[in-house]
């Protein structure tokens, strides 16, 4: 069993933590969507927000290769960090998987379709396994 890395951004839909949906908010005032929880709209400052599920597919907006990871990074290094634009508008930053760094130029193109994938990470400190959202070429 796994828990969400961030329940305000990812809701798991099965017990093993391999399926889930990204969460966000929709402003009833101006129609803007945001990724994750929000107290007010980032576009118009309205507090009239409703929770929504966001798309599991998006478009690769930008990416970079991370060679020096943040402290506590549990995955392999180097890795690809991608900024993905969802159809609703918000952008989500996460690791791009199923694409080796040495074949990045053949596999990744700005504007290509990507899809959400969840991976279960077992922390070294003995805490519960965490499900983490990532992207992969669609």
C-alpha atoms as a PDB file:
ATOM      1  CA  UNK A   1       0.000   0.000   0.000  1.00  0.00           C
ATOM      2  CA  UNK A   2       1.178   3.490  -0.857  1.00  0.00           C
ATOM      3  CA  UNK A   3       0.182   7.058   0.020  1.00  0.00           C
ATOM      4  CA  UNK A   4       0.155  10.131  -2.211  1.00  0.00           C
ATOM      5  CA  UNK A   5       3.329  12.235  -2.184  1.00  0.00           C
ATOM      6  CA  UNK A   6       1.028  15.294  -1.929  1.00  0.00           C
ATOM      7  CA  UNK A   7      -2.722  14.755  -1.383  1.00  0.00           C
ATOM      8  CA  UNK A   8      -3.460  18.356  -2.464  1.00  0.00           C
ATOM      9  CA  UNK A   9      -2.049  17.578  -5.937  1.00  0.00           C
ATOM     10  CA  UNK A  10      -2.517  13.828  -6.418  1.00  0.00           C
ATOM     11  CA  UNK A  11      -5.416  11.585  -5.407  1.00  0.00           C
ATOM     12  CA  UNK A  12      -4.750   7.877  -5.653  1.00  0.00           C
ATOM     13  CA  UNK A  13      -7.512   5.757  -7.198  1.00  0.00           C
ATOM     14  CA  UNK A  14      -6.237   2.294  -6.298  1.00  0.00           C
ATOM     15  CA  UNK A  15      -4.670   0.758  -3.200  1.00  0.00           C
ATOM     16  CA  UNK A  16      -1.279  -0.086  -4.666  1.00  0.00           C
ATOM     17  CA  UNK A  17      -0.723   3.572  -5.635  1.00  0.00           C
ATOM     18  CA  UNK A  18      -0.157   3.023  -9.344  1.00  0.00           C
ATOM     19  CA  UNK A  19      -3.229   4.940 -10.532  1.00  0.00           C
ATOM     20  CA  UNK A  20      -4.483   8.392  -9.659  1.00  0.00           C
ATOM     21  CA  UNK A  21      -5.589  11.821 -10.816  1.00  0.00           C
ATOM     22  CA  UNK A  22      -4.007  15.245 -10.592  1.00  0.00           C
ATOM     23  CA  UNK A  23      -6.008  17.744  -8.553  1.00  0.00           C
ATOM     24  CA  UNK A  24      -6.515  21.429  -9.020  1.00  0.00           C
ATOM     25  CA  UNK A  25      -8.951  24.280  -8.728  1.00  0.00           C
ATOM     26  CA  UNK A  26     -11.160  26.101 -11.218  1.00  0.00           C
ATOM     27  CA  UNK A  27     -12.035  29.762 -10.750  1.00  0.00           C
ATOM     28  CA  UNK A  28     -15.759  30.333 -11.244  1.00  0.00           C
ATOM     29  CA  UNK A  29     -15.046  34.039 -11.760  1.00  0.00           C
ATOM     30  CA  UNK A  30     -12.598  34.027 -14.681  1.00  0.00           C
ATOM     31  CA  UNK A  31     -12.352  30.346 -15.655  1.00  0.00           C
ATOM     32  CA  UNK A  32      -8.656  29.905 -14.804  1.00  0.00           C
ATOM     33  CA  UNK A  33      -7.432  26.477 -13.695  1.00  0.00           C
ATOM     34  CA  UNK A  34      -4.588  25.937 -11.232  1.00  0.00           C
ATOM     35  CA  UNK A  35      -2.658  22.810 -10.327  1.00  0.00           C
ATOM     36  CA  UNK A  36      -2.860  21.880  -6.649  1.00  0.00           C
ATOM     37  CA  UNK A  37      -4.781  23.542  -3.882  1.00  0.00           C
ATOM     38  CA  UNK A  38      -5.427  27.268  -3.999  1.00  0.00           C
ATOM     39  CA  UNK A  39      -6.989  29.796  -1.633  1.00  0.00           C
ATOM     40  CA  UNK A  40      -7.630  32.377  -4.341  1.00  0.00           C
ATOM     41  CA  UNK A  41      -7.367  32.610  -8.139  1.00  0.00           C
ATOM     42  CA  UNK A  42      -3.890  33.480  -9.356  1.00  0.00           C
ATOM     43  CA  UNK A  43      -5.377  35.371 -12.310  1.00  0.00           C
ATOM     44  CA  UNK A  44      -8.191  37.486 -10.802  1.00  0.00           C
ATOM     45  CA  UNK A  45      -7.844  37.027  -6.997  1.00  0.00           C
ATOM     46  CA  UNK A  46     -11.378  35.619  -6.689  1.00  0.00           C
ATOM     47  CA  UNK A  47     -11.934  33.204  -3.824  1.00  0.00           C
ATOM     48  CA  UNK A  48     -14.779  31.478  -5.692  1.00  0.00           C
ATOM     49  CA  UNK A  49     -12.891  28.269  -6.544  1.00  0.00           C
ATOM     50  CA  UNK A  50     -14.099  24.731  -7.030  1.00  0.00           C
ATOM     51  CA  UNK A  51     -11.946  21.588  -6.783  1.00  0.00           C
ATOM     52  CA  UNK A  52     -11.426  19.697 -10.058  1.00  0.00           C
ATOM     53  CA  UNK A  53      -9.629  16.694 -11.475  1.00  0.00           C
ATOM     54  CA  UNK A  54      -7.147  17.668 -14.177  1.00  0.00           C
ATOM     55  CA  UNK A  55      -6.197  15.839 -17.370  1.00  0.00           C
ATOM     56  CA  UNK A  56      -3.754  12.948 -17.325  1.00  0.00           C
ATOM     57  CA  UNK A  57      -2.356  13.945 -20.723  1.00  0.00           C
ATOM     58  CA  UNK A  58      -0.515  17.080 -21.683  1.00  0.00           C
ATOM     59  CA  UNK A  59       2.060  18.702 -23.945  1.00  0.00           C
ATOM     60  CA  UNK A  60       5.763  18.931 -23.166  1.00  0.00           C
ATOM     61  CA  UNK A  61       6.387  22.653 -22.734  1.00  0.00           C
ATOM     62  CA  UNK A  62      10.038  22.508 -21.640  1.00  0.00           C
ATOM     63  CA  UNK A  63      12.590  20.139 -20.134  1.00  0.00           C
ATOM     64  CA  UNK A  64      16.085  19.994 -18.686  1.00  0.00           C
ATOM     65  CA  UNK A  65      18.560  17.385 -17.515  1.00  0.00           C
ATOM     66  CA  UNK A  66      19.221  17.477 -13.768  1.00  0.00           C
ATOM     67  CA  UNK A  67      22.738  16.341 -12.938  1.00  0.00           C
ATOM     68  CA  UNK A  68      22.875  17.572  -9.324  1.00  0.00           C
ATOM     69  CA  UNK A  69      19.631  16.566  -7.594  1.00  0.00           C
ATOM     70  CA  UNK A  70      18.064  18.127  -4.532  1.00  0.00           C
ATOM     71  CA  UNK A  71      18.959  16.656  -1.155  1.00  0.00           C
ATOM     72  CA  UNK A  72      17.162  13.386  -0.537  1.00  0.00           C
ATOM     73  CA  UNK A  73      16.420  12.657  -4.214  1.00  0.00           C
ATOM     74  CA  UNK A  74      15.622   8.908  -4.250  1.00  0.00           C
ATOM     75  CA  UNK A  75      15.970   8.247  -7.973  1.00  0.00           C
ATOM     76  CA  UNK A  76      18.725   7.825 -10.513  1.00  0.00           C
ATOM     77  CA  UNK A  77      20.898  10.756 -11.585  1.00  0.00           C
ATOM     78  CA  UNK A  78      20.998  12.346 -14.086  1.00  0.00           C
ATOM     79  CA  UNK A  79      17.259  12.588 -14.747  1.00  0.00           C
ATOM     80  CA  UNK A  80      14.948  14.604 -16.971  1.00  0.00           C
ATOM     81  CA  UNK A  81      12.693  17.240 -15.427  1.00  0.00           C
ATOM     82  CA  UNK A  82       9.785  18.232 -17.655  1.00  0.00           C
ATOM     83  CA  UNK A  83       7.336  21.104 -17.590  1.00  0.00           C
ATOM     84  CA  UNK A  84       4.029  19.885 -19.021  1.00  0.00           C
ATOM     85  CA  UNK A  85       1.114  22.063 -20.040  1.00  0.00           C
ATOM     86  CA  UNK A  86      -2.289  20.518 -19.403  1.00  0.00           C
ATOM     87  CA  UNK A  87      -5.265  21.131 -21.730  1.00  0.00           C
ATOM     88  CA  UNK A  88      -6.912  23.186 -18.964  1.00  0.00           C
ATOM     89  CA  UNK A  89      -3.926  25.553 -18.889  1.00  0.00           C
ATOM     90  CA  UNK A  90      -1.804  24.924 -15.794  1.00  0.00           C
ATOM     91  CA  UNK A  91       1.725  23.610 -16.093  1.00  0.00           C
ATOM     92  CA  UNK A  92       3.029  20.728 -13.997  1.00  0.00           C
ATOM     93  CA  UNK A  93       6.709  20.116 -13.279  1.00  0.00           C
ATOM     94  CA  UNK A  94       7.786  16.499 -12.761  1.00  0.00           C
ATOM     95  CA  UNK A  95      10.334  13.902 -13.811  1.00  0.00           C
ATOM     96  CA  UNK A  96      10.037  12.482 -17.338  1.00  0.00           C
ATOM     97  CA  UNK A  97      10.503   8.701 -17.300  1.00  0.00           C
ATOM     98  CA  UNK A  98      10.857   5.992 -19.952  1.00  0.00           C
ATOM     99  CA  UNK A  99      13.331   8.198 -21.783  1.00  0.00           C
ATOM    100  CA  UNK A 100      17.059   7.779 -21.209  1.00  0.00           C
ATOM    101  CA  UNK A 101      19.146  10.930 -20.849  1.00  0.00           C
ATOM    102  CA  UNK A 102      21.562   9.712 -23.563  1.00  0.00           C
ATOM    103  CA  UNK A 103      18.695   9.416 -26.098  1.00  0.00           C
ATOM    104  CA  UNK A 104      16.941  12.622 -25.116  1.00  0.00           C
ATOM    105  CA  UNK A 105      17.298  14.244 -28.544  1.00  0.00           C
ATOM    106  CA  UNK A 106      15.575  11.329 -30.302  1.00  0.00           C
ATOM    107  CA  UNK A 107      12.850  10.838 -27.680  1.00  0.00           C
ATOM    108  CA  UNK A 108      11.812  14.288 -26.459  1.00  0.00           C
ATOM    109  CA  UNK A 109      10.522  17.204 -28.505  1.00  0.00           C
ATOM    110  CA  UNK A 110       8.903  20.384 -27.262  1.00  0.00           C
ATOM    111  CA  UNK A 111       5.198  20.142 -28.103  1.00  0.00           C
ATOM    112  CA  UNK A 112       5.027  16.339 -27.977  1.00  0.00           C
ATOM    113  CA  UNK A 113       2.257  14.491 -26.147  1.00  0.00           C
ATOM    114  CA  UNK A 114       3.011  13.073 -22.701  1.00  0.00           C
ATOM    115  CA  UNK A 115       0.915  11.179 -20.191  1.00  0.00           C
ATOM    116  CA  UNK A 116       0.753  10.900 -16.433  1.00  0.00           C
ATOM    117  CA  UNK A 117       2.317   7.854 -14.803  1.00  0.00           C
ATOM    118  CA  UNK A 118       2.638   7.072 -11.107  1.00  0.00           C
ATOM    119  CA  UNK A 119       5.612   5.381  -9.524  1.00  0.00           C
ATOM    120  CA  UNK A 120       5.844   4.040  -5.997  1.00  0.00           C
ATOM    121  CA  UNK A 121       8.967   5.140  -4.116  1.00  0.00           C
ATOM    122  CA  UNK A 122      10.098   3.407  -0.928  1.00  0.00           C
ATOM    123  CA  UNK A 123      11.806   5.959   1.326  1.00  0.00           C
ATOM    124  CA  UNK A 124      15.029   4.937   3.036  1.00  0.00           C
ATOM    125  CA  UNK A 125      13.842   6.249   6.425  1.00  0.00           C
ATOM    126  CA  UNK A 126      11.240   3.490   6.831  1.00  0.00           C
ATOM    127  CA  UNK A 127       8.199   5.720   6.229  1.00  0.00           C
ATOM    128  CA  UNK A 128       5.271   4.494   4.125  1.00  0.00           C
ATOM    129  CA  UNK A 129       5.800   4.057   0.385  1.00  0.00           C
ATOM    130  CA  UNK A 130       4.856   7.177  -1.569  1.00  0.00           C
ATOM    131  CA  UNK A 131       3.212   7.411  -4.989  1.00  0.00           C
ATOM    132  CA  UNK A 132       4.839  10.109  -7.104  1.00  0.00           C
ATOM    133  CA  UNK A 133       3.448  11.648 -10.301  1.00  0.00           C
ATOM    134  CA  UNK A 134       5.703  11.663 -13.360  1.00  0.00           C
ATOM    135  CA  UNK A 135       5.377  12.051 -17.131  1.00  0.00           C
ATOM    136  CA  UNK A 136       6.246   9.708 -19.999  1.00  0.00           C
ATOM    137  CA  UNK A 137       6.069  10.109 -23.773  1.00  0.00           C
ATOM    138  CA  UNK A 138       2.563   9.166 -24.953  1.00  0.00           C
END
